[in-house]
Amino acid sequence: QLQASGGGLVQAGDSLRLSCAASISRFSYYIMGWFRQAPGKEREFVAGVSRSGDNTKHADSVKGRFTISRDNAKNTVTLQMNNLRPEDTAVYYCAADQSARIHVDPRVYNYWGQGTLVTVSS
């Protein structure tokens, strides 16, 4: 129900744009988030966007470099990633949550996409 795309192999300093297409009904009722998981590490919150798109939250590690946004007319959420670093290398997942606010705990999210791999070389 969530299909993430846009990952790839890039060099440090490059940009990538991840997209997540949602086939869930009433997409605008869901908080949407991006998470990532590097090898041997736990899944971590990257960014989240409110139902309307007016409010966003970004992890400190990506603030100023990544931007989350959504288009409720197209049922999509995107993550624009600029100035990528090797430590951004991970599988990136989009997720949907029916709560009223943006949560950073992945256990709160109801639906998950399959993930897209981002590899940043130094």
N, C-alpha and C. Protein backbone atom coordinates (compact mmCIF):
# COMPACT_ATOMS: atom_id res chain seq x y z
N GLN A 1 0.81 -1.21 0.00
CA GLN A 1 0.00 0.00 0.00
C GLN A 1 0.84 1.26 0.00
N LEU A 2 2.13 1.13 0.38
CA LEU A 2 3.07 2.24 0.30
C LEU A 2 4.24 1.78 -0.55
N GLN A 3 4.55 2.54 -1.57
CA GLN A 3 5.61 2.18 -2.50
C GLN A 3 6.65 3.29 -2.53
N ALA A 4 7.83 3.00 -1.98
CA ALA A 4 8.92 3.97 -1.95
C ALA A 4 9.82 3.79 -3.16
N SER A 5 10.35 4.88 -3.66
CA SER A 5 11.25 4.83 -4.80
C SER A 5 12.19 6.02 -4.76
N GLY A 6 13.22 5.97 -5.60
CA GLY A 6 14.12 7.10 -5.75
C GLY A 6 15.50 6.91 -5.17
N GLY A 7 15.74 5.78 -4.50
CA GLY A 7 17.05 5.54 -3.94
C GLY A 7 18.09 5.29 -5.01
N GLY A 8 19.34 5.26 -4.58
CA GLY A 8 20.42 4.99 -5.53
C GLY A 8 21.77 5.21 -4.90
N LEU A 9 22.79 5.14 -5.75
CA LEU A 9 24.18 5.34 -5.33
C LEU A 9 24.61 6.74 -5.76
N VAL A 10 25.02 7.55 -4.80
CA VAL A 10 25.46 8.90 -5.09
C VAL A 10 26.74 9.19 -4.32
N GLN A 11 27.36 10.31 -4.65
CA GLN A 11 28.55 10.74 -3.94
C GLN A 11 28.19 11.75 -2.86
N ALA A 12 29.07 11.88 -1.90
CA ALA A 12 28.85 12.86 -0.83
C ALA A 12 28.67 14.25 -1.44
N GLY A 13 27.67 14.96 -0.92
CA GLY A 13 27.36 16.28 -1.44
C GLY A 13 26.27 16.31 -2.49
N ASP A 14 25.94 15.16 -3.03
CA ASP A 14 24.89 15.07 -4.05
C ASP A 14 23.50 15.13 -3.41
N SER A 15 22.50 15.14 -4.26
CA SER A 15 21.10 15.18 -3.83
C SER A 15 20.33 13.99 -4.38
N LEU A 16 19.29 13.63 -3.66
CA LEU A 16 18.35 12.60 -4.11
C LEU A 16 16.96 13.02 -3.66
N ARG A 17 15.97 12.55 -4.41
CA ARG A 17 14.59 12.83 -4.05
C ARG A 17 13.86 11.50 -3.95
N LEU A 18 13.43 11.16 -2.76
CA LEU A 18 12.66 9.94 -2.54
C LEU A 18 11.17 10.24 -2.64
N SER A 19 10.46 9.30 -3.21
CA SER A 19 9.01 9.44 -3.32
C SER A 19 8.33 8.22 -2.72
N CYS A 20 7.14 8.45 -2.21
CA CYS A 20 6.34 7.36 -1.65
C CYS A 20 4.93 7.53 -2.18
N ALA A 21 4.47 6.53 -2.92
CA ALA A 21 3.12 6.54 -3.45
C ALA A 21 2.24 5.68 -2.55
N ALA A 22 1.13 6.23 -2.11
CA ALA A 22 0.24 5.53 -1.18
C ALA A 22 -1.06 5.16 -1.86
N SER A 23 -1.45 3.91 -1.67
CA SER A 23 -2.73 3.46 -2.21
C SER A 23 -3.76 3.27 -1.11
N ILE A 24 -3.46 3.76 0.09
CA ILE A 24 -4.41 3.68 1.20
C ILE A 24 -5.52 4.70 1.00
N SER A 25 -6.71 4.32 1.43
CA SER A 25 -7.83 5.24 1.30
C SER A 25 -7.71 6.35 2.33
N ARG A 26 -8.26 7.51 1.98
CA ARG A 26 -8.22 8.68 2.87
C ARG A 26 -6.80 9.00 3.29
N PHE A 27 -5.96 9.12 2.31
CA PHE A 27 -4.53 9.40 2.53
C PHE A 27 -4.34 10.62 3.43
N SER A 28 -5.17 11.63 3.26
CA SER A 28 -5.01 12.86 4.02
C SER A 28 -5.32 12.70 5.50
N TYR A 29 -5.82 11.55 5.92
CA TYR A 29 -6.10 11.30 7.32
C TYR A 29 -4.85 10.79 8.06
N TYR A 30 -3.78 10.55 7.34
CA TYR A 30 -2.61 9.93 7.92
C TYR A 30 -1.45 10.90 8.08
N ILE A 31 -0.80 10.81 9.21
CA ILE A 31 0.54 11.37 9.36
C ILE A 31 1.47 10.51 8.49
N MET A 32 2.39 11.13 7.79
CA MET A 32 3.34 10.37 6.98
C MET A 32 4.76 10.62 7.48
N GLY A 33 5.55 9.56 7.47
CA GLY A 33 6.91 9.69 7.95
C GLY A 33 7.90 8.95 7.08
N TRP A 34 9.15 9.37 7.19
CA TRP A 34 10.27 8.66 6.58
C TRP A 34 11.18 8.19 7.71
N PHE A 35 11.60 6.96 7.60
CA PHE A 35 12.54 6.36 8.54
C PHE A 35 13.69 5.76 7.75
N ARG A 36 14.76 5.45 8.43
CA ARG A 36 15.87 4.78 7.76
C ARG A 36 16.49 3.77 8.70
N GLN A 37 17.12 2.79 8.08
CA GLN A 37 17.79 1.76 8.85
C GLN A 37 19.09 1.39 8.17
N ALA A 38 20.18 1.64 8.86
CA ALA A 38 21.50 1.29 8.37
C ALA A 38 21.84 -0.12 8.86
N PRO A 39 22.75 -0.80 8.18
CA PRO A 39 23.13 -2.16 8.60
C PRO A 39 23.58 -2.21 10.05
N GLY A 40 23.00 -3.12 10.80
CA GLY A 40 23.38 -3.29 12.20
C GLY A 40 22.83 -2.26 13.15
N LYS A 41 21.99 -1.38 12.65
CA LYS A 41 21.43 -0.33 13.49
C LYS A 41 19.90 -0.43 13.53
N GLU A 42 19.33 0.22 14.53
CA GLU A 42 17.88 0.25 14.64
C GLU A 42 17.28 1.25 13.65
N ARG A 43 16.02 1.04 13.34
CA ARG A 43 15.32 1.95 12.47
C ARG A 43 15.14 3.29 13.18
N GLU A 44 15.43 4.39 12.49
CA GLU A 44 15.37 5.69 13.12
C GLU A 44 14.51 6.65 12.31
N PHE A 45 13.88 7.57 13.03
CA PHE A 45 13.05 8.59 12.44
C PHE A 45 13.91 9.57 11.65
N VAL A 46 13.43 9.94 10.46
CA VAL A 46 14.11 10.93 9.65
C VAL A 46 13.28 12.21 9.56
N ALA A 47 12.01 12.05 9.18
CA ALA A 47 11.14 13.22 9.02
C ALA A 47 9.69 12.79 9.02
N GLY A 48 8.82 13.71 9.42
CA GLY A 48 7.40 13.45 9.41
C GLY A 48 6.63 14.70 8.97
N VAL A 49 5.44 14.49 8.43
CA VAL A 49 4.61 15.60 7.96
C VAL A 49 3.18 15.38 8.43
N SER A 50 2.55 16.47 8.81
CA SER A 50 1.18 16.39 9.32
C SER A 50 0.20 16.07 8.20
N ARG A 51 -1.04 15.84 8.56
CA ARG A 51 -2.06 15.46 7.59
C ARG A 51 -2.25 16.50 6.50
N SER A 52 -2.23 17.75 6.88
CA SER A 52 -2.43 18.81 5.91
C SER A 52 -1.15 19.19 5.17
N GLY A 53 -0.02 18.84 5.75
CA GLY A 53 1.26 19.22 5.18
C GLY A 53 1.81 20.52 5.77
N ASP A 54 1.05 21.13 6.66
CA ASP A 54 1.46 22.42 7.21
C ASP A 54 2.58 22.29 8.23
N ASN A 55 2.63 21.16 8.91
CA ASN A 55 3.64 20.96 9.95
C ASN A 55 4.57 19.83 9.59
N THR A 56 5.84 20.03 9.84
CA THR A 56 6.83 19.00 9.60
C THR A 56 7.76 18.89 10.80
N LYS A 57 8.42 17.76 10.86
CA LYS A 57 9.41 17.51 11.91
C LYS A 57 10.56 16.75 11.26
N HIS A 58 11.78 17.19 11.54
CA HIS A 58 12.97 16.54 10.98
C HIS A 58 13.93 16.17 12.11
N ALA A 59 14.57 15.05 11.97
CA ALA A 59 15.59 14.65 12.93
C ALA A 59 16.74 15.66 12.91
N ASP A 60 17.36 15.85 14.03
CA ASP A 60 18.46 16.81 14.12
C ASP A 60 19.57 16.50 13.11
N SER A 61 19.78 15.22 12.85
CA SER A 61 20.87 14.82 11.96
C SER A 61 20.64 15.22 10.50
N VAL A 62 19.40 15.55 10.15
CA VAL A 62 19.10 15.90 8.75
C VAL A 62 18.56 17.32 8.59
N LYS A 63 18.36 18.01 9.68
CA LYS A 63 17.83 19.37 9.60
C LYS A 63 18.71 20.26 8.74
N GLY A 64 18.05 21.02 7.87
CA GLY A 64 18.79 21.90 6.98
C GLY A 64 19.27 21.22 5.71
N ARG A 65 19.16 19.88 5.66
CA ARG A 65 19.59 19.15 4.46
C ARG A 65 18.43 18.39 3.81
N PHE A 66 17.53 17.86 4.61
CA PHE A 66 16.39 17.08 4.11
C PHE A 66 15.10 17.87 4.32
N THR A 67 14.16 17.67 3.40
CA THR A 67 12.85 18.30 3.52
C THR A 67 11.77 17.33 3.13
N ILE A 68 10.81 17.15 4.01
CA ILE A 68 9.67 16.29 3.72
C ILE A 68 8.49 17.15 3.27
N SER A 69 7.72 16.62 2.33
CA SER A 69 6.51 17.30 1.87
C SER A 69 5.52 16.25 1.39
N ARG A 70 4.28 16.68 1.19
CA ARG A 70 3.27 15.74 0.72
C ARG A 70 2.33 16.45 -0.25
N ASP A 71 1.70 15.63 -1.09
CA ASP A 71 0.70 16.12 -2.03
C ASP A 71 -0.54 15.24 -1.84
N ASN A 72 -1.53 15.74 -1.14
CA ASN A 72 -2.70 14.93 -0.84
C ASN A 72 -3.56 14.66 -2.08
N ALA A 73 -3.43 15.49 -3.07
CA ALA A 73 -4.19 15.27 -4.31
C ALA A 73 -3.62 14.09 -5.09
N LYS A 74 -2.33 13.85 -4.92
CA LYS A 74 -1.66 12.75 -5.64
C LYS A 74 -1.33 11.57 -4.74
N ASN A 75 -1.68 11.66 -3.47
CA ASN A 75 -1.37 10.58 -2.51
C ASN A 75 0.12 10.25 -2.48
N THR A 76 0.93 11.28 -2.42
CA THR A 76 2.37 11.06 -2.40
C THR A 76 3.03 11.87 -1.29
N VAL A 77 4.15 11.36 -0.83
CA VAL A 77 5.00 12.08 0.11
C VAL A 77 6.43 11.97 -0.40
N THR A 78 7.16 13.05 -0.32
CA THR A 78 8.52 13.07 -0.85
C THR A 78 9.52 13.48 0.24
N LEU A 79 10.74 13.07 0.03
CA LEU A 79 11.84 13.46 0.90
C LEU A 79 12.95 13.97 0.01
N GLN A 80 13.14 15.27 0.01
CA GLN A 80 14.24 15.87 -0.74
C GLN A 80 15.48 15.85 0.13
N MET A 81 16.52 15.21 -0.36
CA MET A 81 17.74 15.05 0.42
C MET A 81 18.88 15.75 -0.30
N ASN A 82 19.43 16.76 0.34
CA ASN A 82 20.53 17.52 -0.23
C ASN A 82 21.79 17.34 0.61
N ASN A 83 22.91 17.62 0.01
CA ASN A 83 24.20 17.54 0.71
C ASN A 83 24.33 16.22 1.46
N LEU A 84 24.13 15.15 0.74
CA LEU A 84 24.16 13.82 1.36
C LEU A 84 25.55 13.48 1.89
N ARG A 85 25.55 12.73 2.96
CA ARG A 85 26.79 12.32 3.62
C ARG A 85 26.87 10.79 3.66
N PRO A 86 28.06 10.23 3.78
CA PRO A 86 28.17 8.77 3.87
C PRO A 86 27.32 8.19 5.01
N GLU A 87 27.18 8.91 6.10
CA GLU A 87 26.39 8.41 7.23
C GLU A 87 24.89 8.40 6.95
N ASP A 88 24.47 8.94 5.82
CA ASP A 88 23.05 8.87 5.42
C ASP A 88 22.75 7.54 4.72
N THR A 89 23.76 6.75 4.47
CA THR A 89 23.57 5.46 3.81
C THR A 89 22.67 4.56 4.65
N ALA A 90 21.58 4.10 4.04
CA ALA A 90 20.60 3.28 4.75
C ALA A 90 19.49 2.88 3.78
N VAL A 91 18.65 1.97 4.23
CA VAL A 91 17.40 1.72 3.55
C VAL A 91 16.38 2.69 4.12
N TYR A 92 15.71 3.41 3.25
CA TYR A 92 14.74 4.42 3.66
C TYR A 92 13.32 3.87 3.46
N TYR A 93 12.50 4.06 4.48
CA TYR A 93 11.13 3.57 4.47
C TYR A 93 10.15 4.72 4.67
N CYS A 94 9.04 4.65 3.94
CA CYS A 94 7.95 5.57 4.25
C CYS A 94 6.93 4.81 5.09
N ALA A 95 6.22 5.55 5.91
CA ALA A 95 5.27 4.95 6.83
C ALA A 95 4.09 5.87 7.05
N ALA A 96 2.96 5.27 7.42
CA ALA A 96 1.73 6.02 7.65
C ALA A 96 1.19 5.74 9.04
N ASP A 97 0.65 6.77 9.65
CA ASP A 97 0.19 6.67 11.04
C ASP A 97 -1.12 7.43 11.19
N GLN A 98 -2.07 6.85 11.90
CA GLN A 98 -3.38 7.50 12.07
C GLN A 98 -3.46 8.36 13.32
N SER A 99 -2.34 8.59 13.98
CA SER A 99 -2.36 9.45 15.16
C SER A 99 -2.61 10.90 14.75
N ALA A 100 -2.79 11.73 15.78
CA ALA A 100 -3.09 13.13 15.52
C ALA A 100 -1.84 13.99 15.39
N ARG A 101 -0.69 13.45 15.76
CA ARG A 101 0.55 14.24 15.68
C ARG A 101 1.68 13.37 15.16
N ILE A 102 2.78 14.03 14.85
CA ILE A 102 3.94 13.32 14.29
C ILE A 102 4.68 12.61 15.41
N HIS A 103 4.86 11.32 15.26
CA HIS A 103 5.61 10.52 16.23
C HIS A 103 6.96 10.12 15.66
N VAL A 104 7.95 10.01 16.51
CA VAL A 104 9.27 9.57 16.06
C VAL A 104 9.48 8.08 16.32
N ASP A 105 8.60 7.47 17.10
CA ASP A 105 8.71 6.05 17.41
C ASP A 105 8.13 5.23 16.26
N PRO A 106 8.93 4.40 15.60
CA PRO A 106 8.41 3.64 14.47
C PRO A 106 7.31 2.66 14.85
N ARG A 107 7.24 2.27 16.11
CA ARG A 107 6.22 1.30 16.53
C ARG A 107 4.81 1.88 16.46
N VAL A 108 4.71 3.17 16.36
CA VAL A 108 3.40 3.82 16.30
C VAL A 108 2.77 3.70 14.91
N TYR A 109 3.60 3.57 13.91
CA TYR A 109 3.13 3.63 12.52
C TYR A 109 2.45 2.33 12.09
N ASN A 110 1.33 2.51 11.37
CA ASN A 110 0.49 1.37 11.01
C ASN A 110 0.92 0.69 9.71
N TYR A 111 1.35 1.48 8.74
CA TYR A 111 1.66 0.95 7.42
C TYR A 111 3.08 1.32 7.02
N TRP A 112 3.72 0.39 6.32
CA TRP A 112 5.11 0.58 5.91
C TRP A 112 5.29 0.21 4.45
N GLY A 113 6.15 0.97 3.78
CA GLY A 113 6.55 0.61 2.44
C GLY A 113 7.69 -0.39 2.49
N GLN A 114 8.15 -0.82 1.31
CA GLN A 114 9.16 -1.87 1.24
C GLN A 114 10.58 -1.35 1.41
N GLY A 115 10.80 -0.06 1.33
CA GLY A 115 12.12 0.50 1.51
C GLY A 115 12.85 0.71 0.20
N THR A 116 13.68 1.74 0.18
CA THR A 116 14.53 2.02 -0.98
C THR A 116 15.92 2.33 -0.47
N LEU A 117 16.93 1.76 -1.11
CA LEU A 117 18.30 1.86 -0.62
C LEU A 117 18.97 3.13 -1.11
N VAL A 118 19.56 3.85 -0.18
CA VAL A 118 20.36 5.03 -0.49
C VAL A 118 21.79 4.74 -0.04
N THR A 119 22.72 4.86 -0.98
CA THR A 119 24.13 4.63 -0.68
C THR A 119 24.90 5.89 -1.05
N VAL A 120 25.62 6.43 -0.08
CA VAL A 120 26.40 7.65 -0.31
C VAL A 120 27.87 7.32 -0.15
N SER A 121 28.61 7.50 -1.21
CA SER A 121 30.05 7.21 -1.17
C SER A 121 30.83 8.49 -0.85
N SER A 122 31.95 8.29 -0.21
CA SER A 122 32.77 9.45 0.18
C SER A 122 33.73 9.86 -0.91
